[in-house]
Amino acid sequence: MTKPQKSNKEAKKEALLTPKEKKAAKQAKKHANDVVPLITR
């Protein structure tokens, strides 16, 4: 006799962010310190 196969596969998790949101967050993080210094004389 063979053992019955258990199907404990979980449903696919929903992404927290859409790919567009991920890309925007990554770009924002990458360019967070790109502030042009203000030099006054």
Protein backbone atom coordinates (compact mmCIF):
# COMPACT_ATOMS: atom_id res chain seq x y z
CA MET A 1 0.00 0.00 0.00
CA THR A 2 1.21 3.48 -0.79
CA LYS A 3 0.78 6.42 1.51
CA PRO A 4 -1.67 9.07 0.37
CA GLN A 5 0.07 12.21 -0.85
CA LYS A 6 -0.62 15.24 1.33
CA SER A 7 -1.11 18.51 -0.45
CA ASN A 8 0.00 21.14 2.05
CA LYS A 9 0.88 23.63 -0.64
CA GLU A 10 0.06 27.12 0.55
CA ALA A 11 -1.61 29.65 -1.68
CA LYS A 12 0.80 32.00 -3.38
CA LYS A 13 1.52 35.02 -1.20
CA GLU A 14 0.44 38.37 -2.52
CA ALA A 15 3.33 40.75 -3.13
CA LEU A 16 3.57 43.65 -0.72
CA LEU A 17 4.55 46.00 -3.53
CA THR A 18 3.88 45.91 -7.24
CA PRO A 19 6.95 45.76 -9.48
CA LYS A 20 6.49 49.46 -10.32
CA GLU A 21 6.34 50.38 -6.63
CA LYS A 22 9.45 48.27 -5.95
CA LYS A 23 11.36 50.03 -8.70
CA ALA A 24 10.26 53.47 -7.49
CA ALA A 25 11.28 52.66 -3.91
CA LYS A 26 14.65 51.35 -5.06
CA GLN A 27 15.31 54.49 -7.14
CA ALA A 28 14.25 56.75 -4.26
CA LYS A 29 16.58 54.91 -1.88
CA LYS A 30 19.44 55.03 -4.37
CA HIS A 31 19.08 58.78 -4.96
CA ALA A 32 18.18 59.79 -1.39
CA ASN A 33 21.52 61.57 -0.84
CA ASP A 34 21.79 63.17 -4.27
CA VAL A 35 20.92 66.65 -2.98
CA VAL A 36 22.78 69.39 -4.79
CA PRO A 37 24.70 71.40 -2.20
CA LEU A 38 23.62 75.02 -1.99
CA ILE A 39 26.68 77.26 -1.99
CA THR A 40 26.09 80.90 -1.16
CA ARG A 41 28.72 83.59 -1.05
